[in-house]
Amino acid sequence: MSATTTTKNAQTLLARMLRVAKSYKDYNVREYLVRRTNDAYEGTKEKPEEFEKFAEKELKWMERQEKVYEMYGSERKSVLDDSTDDVATTRK
């Protein structure tokens, strides 16, 4: 495989991973996965085939976990999304 093809594949995988990461409702998980994906890409920029191996494995996990979070996760995205009225009524 040529270097440009490998780089193109790595960029495609990066875009897919970021898209999946940004689909998480939970702010903390979403930001962690975006940061982790970007760090992995930056760390292997000189060797895109290493990122491809990483991305293929992690993308499967991220997609599965996103489905689990969708089924069982909290409806609220973040504590910051709660209004003060909602918090007061839930504590009674």
N, C-alpha and C. Protein backbone atom coordinates (compact mmCIF):
# COMPACT_ATOMS: atom_id res chain seq x y z
N MET A 1 0.84 -1.16 0.00
CA MET A 1 0.00 0.00 0.00
C MET A 1 0.90 1.24 0.00
N SER A 2 0.56 2.21 -0.78
CA SER A 2 1.39 3.41 -0.85
C SER A 2 1.18 4.28 0.39
N ALA A 3 2.10 5.19 0.60
CA ALA A 3 2.04 6.06 1.77
C ALA A 3 0.81 6.96 1.75
N THR A 4 0.46 7.45 0.57
CA THR A 4 -0.71 8.35 0.50
C THR A 4 -2.01 7.59 0.77
N THR A 5 -2.09 6.34 0.31
CA THR A 5 -3.27 5.54 0.58
C THR A 5 -3.39 5.25 2.07
N THR A 6 -2.28 4.92 2.69
CA THR A 6 -2.27 4.64 4.12
C THR A 6 -2.67 5.88 4.90
N THR A 7 -2.12 7.03 4.52
CA THR A 7 -2.46 8.28 5.18
C THR A 7 -3.94 8.61 5.00
N LYS A 8 -4.45 8.38 3.80
CA LYS A 8 -5.87 8.64 3.51
C LYS A 8 -6.76 7.73 4.36
N ASN A 9 -6.39 6.46 4.48
CA ASN A 9 -7.14 5.52 5.31
C ASN A 9 -7.12 5.96 6.78
N ALA A 10 -5.96 6.40 7.25
CA ALA A 10 -5.83 6.86 8.63
C ALA A 10 -6.72 8.08 8.86
N GLN A 11 -6.77 8.99 7.92
CA GLN A 11 -7.61 10.18 8.06
C GLN A 11 -9.10 9.81 8.04
N THR A 12 -9.45 8.84 7.22
CA THR A 12 -10.84 8.37 7.18
C THR A 12 -11.23 7.74 8.51
N LEU A 13 -10.33 6.92 9.05
CA LEU A 13 -10.60 6.29 10.35
C LEU A 13 -10.67 7.35 11.46
N LEU A 14 -9.82 8.35 11.38
CA LEU A 14 -9.85 9.44 12.37
C LEU A 14 -11.22 10.13 12.33
N ALA A 15 -11.70 10.43 11.15
CA ALA A 15 -13.00 11.08 11.01
C ALA A 15 -14.13 10.21 11.56
N ARG A 16 -14.08 8.90 11.29
CA ARG A 16 -15.11 7.99 11.80
C ARG A 16 -15.06 7.92 13.33
N MET A 17 -13.84 7.84 13.88
CA MET A 17 -13.71 7.77 15.34
C MET A 17 -14.23 9.04 16.00
N LEU A 18 -13.92 10.19 15.42
CA LEU A 18 -14.40 11.45 15.98
C LEU A 18 -15.91 11.56 15.88
N ARG A 19 -16.47 11.07 14.79
CA ARG A 19 -17.93 11.10 14.62
C ARG A 19 -18.61 10.23 15.69
N VAL A 20 -18.06 9.04 15.93
CA VAL A 20 -18.63 8.16 16.96
C VAL A 20 -18.44 8.79 18.34
N ALA A 21 -17.26 9.33 18.60
CA ALA A 21 -16.98 9.94 19.90
C ALA A 21 -17.93 11.09 20.18
N LYS A 22 -18.22 11.88 19.18
CA LYS A 22 -19.10 13.04 19.36
C LYS A 22 -20.57 12.65 19.47
N SER A 23 -20.90 11.41 19.19
CA SER A 23 -22.29 10.97 19.30
C SER A 23 -22.66 10.56 20.73
N TYR A 24 -21.69 10.44 21.63
CA TYR A 24 -21.97 10.11 23.02
C TYR A 24 -22.70 11.27 23.68
N LYS A 25 -23.71 10.96 24.47
CA LYS A 25 -24.47 12.00 25.16
C LYS A 25 -23.70 12.57 26.35
N ASP A 26 -23.01 11.71 27.05
CA ASP A 26 -22.29 12.12 28.25
C ASP A 26 -21.08 12.98 27.89
N TYR A 27 -21.04 14.18 28.44
CA TYR A 27 -19.98 15.14 28.13
C TYR A 27 -18.59 14.58 28.44
N ASN A 28 -18.43 14.00 29.62
CA ASN A 28 -17.11 13.52 30.04
C ASN A 28 -16.59 12.41 29.13
N VAL A 29 -17.44 11.46 28.81
CA VAL A 29 -17.04 10.37 27.92
C VAL A 29 -16.72 10.91 26.53
N ARG A 30 -17.59 11.79 26.04
CA ARG A 30 -17.41 12.36 24.71
C ARG A 30 -16.07 13.10 24.60
N GLU A 31 -15.80 13.97 25.56
CA GLU A 31 -14.56 14.74 25.50
C GLU A 31 -13.32 13.85 25.68
N TYR A 32 -13.43 12.85 26.54
CA TYR A 32 -12.32 11.92 26.73
C TYR A 32 -12.00 11.19 25.43
N LEU A 33 -13.01 10.69 24.75
CA LEU A 33 -12.78 9.93 23.52
C LEU A 33 -12.25 10.81 22.39
N VAL A 34 -12.74 12.03 22.31
CA VAL A 34 -12.21 12.96 21.30
C VAL A 34 -10.74 13.24 21.58
N ARG A 35 -10.42 13.53 22.85
CA ARG A 35 -9.03 13.82 23.22
C ARG A 35 -8.13 12.60 22.98
N ARG A 36 -8.61 11.43 23.36
CA ARG A 36 -7.83 10.20 23.18
C ARG A 36 -7.57 9.90 21.71
N THR A 37 -8.60 10.09 20.89
CA THR A 37 -8.46 9.86 19.45
C THR A 37 -7.46 10.82 18.83
N ASN A 38 -7.59 12.10 19.17
CA ASN A 38 -6.67 13.09 18.63
C ASN A 38 -5.24 12.84 19.09
N ASP A 39 -5.07 12.48 20.35
CA ASP A 39 -3.73 12.18 20.87
C ASP A 39 -3.11 10.98 20.16
N ALA A 40 -3.90 9.95 19.93
CA ALA A 40 -3.39 8.76 19.24
C ALA A 40 -3.00 9.10 17.81
N TYR A 41 -3.80 9.92 17.16
CA TYR A 41 -3.50 10.31 15.78
C TYR A 41 -2.22 11.15 15.72
N GLU A 42 -2.12 12.10 16.61
CA GLU A 42 -0.92 12.95 16.64
C GLU A 42 0.33 12.14 17.00
N GLY A 43 0.18 11.18 17.89
CA GLY A 43 1.31 10.37 18.31
C GLY A 43 1.83 9.42 17.24
N THR A 44 0.99 9.10 16.27
CA THR A 44 1.39 8.15 15.22
C THR A 44 1.35 8.79 13.84
N LYS A 45 1.45 10.11 13.80
CA LYS A 45 1.35 10.82 12.53
C LYS A 45 2.40 10.37 11.53
N GLU A 46 3.58 10.04 12.01
CA GLU A 46 4.67 9.61 11.13
C GLU A 46 4.48 8.16 10.67
N LYS A 47 3.67 7.41 11.40
CA LYS A 47 3.43 6.00 11.07
C LYS A 47 1.93 5.74 11.01
N PRO A 48 1.28 6.13 9.92
CA PRO A 48 -0.18 6.01 9.85
C PRO A 48 -0.69 4.57 9.96
N GLU A 49 0.13 3.60 9.60
CA GLU A 49 -0.31 2.20 9.70
C GLU A 49 -0.52 1.80 11.16
N GLU A 50 0.25 2.40 12.08
CA GLU A 50 0.03 2.13 13.50
C GLU A 50 -1.31 2.69 13.96
N PHE A 51 -1.63 3.87 13.48
CA PHE A 51 -2.93 4.46 13.83
C PHE A 51 -4.06 3.63 13.26
N GLU A 52 -3.89 3.11 12.06
CA GLU A 52 -4.93 2.26 11.46
C GLU A 52 -5.22 1.05 12.34
N LYS A 53 -4.17 0.39 12.83
CA LYS A 53 -4.37 -0.77 13.71
C LYS A 53 -5.12 -0.36 14.98
N PHE A 54 -4.66 0.73 15.57
CA PHE A 54 -5.30 1.25 16.78
C PHE A 54 -6.76 1.60 16.51
N ALA A 55 -7.01 2.32 15.43
CA ALA A 55 -8.35 2.82 15.12
C ALA A 55 -9.32 1.69 14.82
N GLU A 56 -8.89 0.69 14.09
CA GLU A 56 -9.78 -0.43 13.75
C GLU A 56 -10.24 -1.15 15.01
N LYS A 57 -9.31 -1.34 15.94
CA LYS A 57 -9.66 -2.02 17.20
C LYS A 57 -10.54 -1.12 18.06
N GLU A 58 -10.17 0.13 18.22
CA GLU A 58 -10.90 1.04 19.10
C GLU A 58 -12.26 1.44 18.55
N LEU A 59 -12.37 1.55 17.25
CA LEU A 59 -13.63 1.95 16.64
C LEU A 59 -14.73 0.93 16.92
N LYS A 60 -14.38 -0.33 16.86
CA LYS A 60 -15.36 -1.38 17.18
C LYS A 60 -15.85 -1.25 18.61
N TRP A 61 -14.90 -1.02 19.53
CA TRP A 61 -15.24 -0.87 20.94
C TRP A 61 -16.10 0.37 21.16
N MET A 62 -15.72 1.47 20.54
CA MET A 62 -16.44 2.72 20.72
C MET A 62 -17.88 2.62 20.21
N GLU A 63 -18.06 1.97 19.08
CA GLU A 63 -19.41 1.81 18.52
C GLU A 63 -20.27 0.93 19.41
N ARG A 64 -19.71 -0.17 19.90
CA ARG A 64 -20.46 -1.05 20.81
C ARG A 64 -20.83 -0.32 22.10
N GLN A 65 -19.86 0.36 22.66
CA GLN A 65 -20.09 1.05 23.93
C GLN A 65 -21.11 2.18 23.78
N GLU A 66 -21.11 2.83 22.64
CA GLU A 66 -22.06 3.91 22.40
C GLU A 66 -23.49 3.37 22.39
N LYS A 67 -23.67 2.17 21.84
CA LYS A 67 -24.99 1.53 21.84
C LYS A 67 -25.43 1.20 23.27
N VAL A 68 -24.50 0.73 24.09
CA VAL A 68 -24.81 0.41 25.48
C VAL A 68 -25.20 1.68 26.23
N TYR A 69 -24.43 2.75 26.05
CA TYR A 69 -24.75 4.03 26.69
C TYR A 69 -26.12 4.53 26.23
N GLU A 70 -26.44 4.30 24.98
CA GLU A 70 -27.73 4.72 24.44
C GLU A 70 -28.87 3.98 25.15
N MET A 71 -28.68 2.68 25.41
CA MET A 71 -29.73 1.89 26.03
C MET A 71 -29.85 2.14 27.52
N TYR A 72 -28.71 2.24 28.22
CA TYR A 72 -28.73 2.25 29.67
C TYR A 72 -28.26 3.55 30.30
N GLY A 73 -27.74 4.47 29.53
CA GLY A 73 -27.20 5.70 30.07
C GLY A 73 -28.27 6.66 30.54
N SER A 74 -27.83 7.66 31.23
CA SER A 74 -28.73 8.69 31.75
C SER A 74 -29.27 9.54 30.60
N GLU A 75 -30.47 10.05 30.78
CA GLU A 75 -31.07 10.91 29.77
C GLU A 75 -30.40 12.28 29.73
N ARG A 76 -29.90 12.71 30.88
CA ARG A 76 -29.28 14.04 30.88
C ARG A 76 -27.85 13.94 30.36
N LYS A 77 -27.44 14.97 29.69
CA LYS A 77 -26.13 14.98 29.07
C LYS A 77 -25.04 15.33 30.07
N SER A 78 -25.37 16.20 31.00
CA SER A 78 -24.39 16.68 31.95
C SER A 78 -25.11 17.26 33.15
N VAL A 79 -24.44 17.33 34.26
CA VAL A 79 -25.00 17.97 35.44
C VAL A 79 -25.26 19.43 35.14
N LEU A 80 -24.44 20.00 34.29
CA LEU A 80 -24.60 21.40 33.92
C LEU A 80 -25.89 21.65 33.16
N ASP A 81 -26.47 20.62 32.57
CA ASP A 81 -27.72 20.77 31.82
C ASP A 81 -28.93 20.89 32.73
N ASP A 82 -28.79 20.50 34.00
CA ASP A 82 -29.90 20.58 34.93
C ASP A 82 -30.19 22.04 35.28
N SER A 83 -31.46 22.37 35.31
CA SER A 83 -31.81 23.70 35.80
C SER A 83 -31.93 23.60 37.31
N THR A 84 -31.93 24.70 37.99
CA THR A 84 -32.02 24.68 39.46
C THR A 84 -33.37 24.16 39.91
N ASP A 85 -34.42 24.36 39.11
CA ASP A 85 -35.75 23.84 39.46
C ASP A 85 -35.76 22.32 39.47
N ASP A 86 -35.13 21.72 38.46
CA ASP A 86 -35.10 20.26 38.37
C ASP A 86 -34.36 19.66 39.55
N VAL A 87 -33.27 20.29 39.96
CA VAL A 87 -32.47 19.78 41.06
C VAL A 87 -33.26 19.88 42.36
N ALA A 88 -33.96 20.96 42.56
CA ALA A 88 -34.74 21.15 43.79
C ALA A 88 -35.85 20.12 43.91
N THR A 89 -36.51 19.80 42.80
CA THR A 89 -37.62 18.85 42.86
C THR A 89 -37.13 17.41 43.04
N THR A 90 -35.95 17.08 42.57
CA THR A 90 -35.46 15.70 42.71
C THR A 90 -34.93 15.43 44.10
N ARG A 91 -34.61 16.46 44.87
CA ARG A 91 -34.06 16.26 46.22
C ARG A 91 -35.14 16.12 47.27
N LYS A 92 -36.36 16.42 46.97
CA LYS A 92 -37.46 16.36 47.95
C LYS A 92 -37.80 14.94 48.30
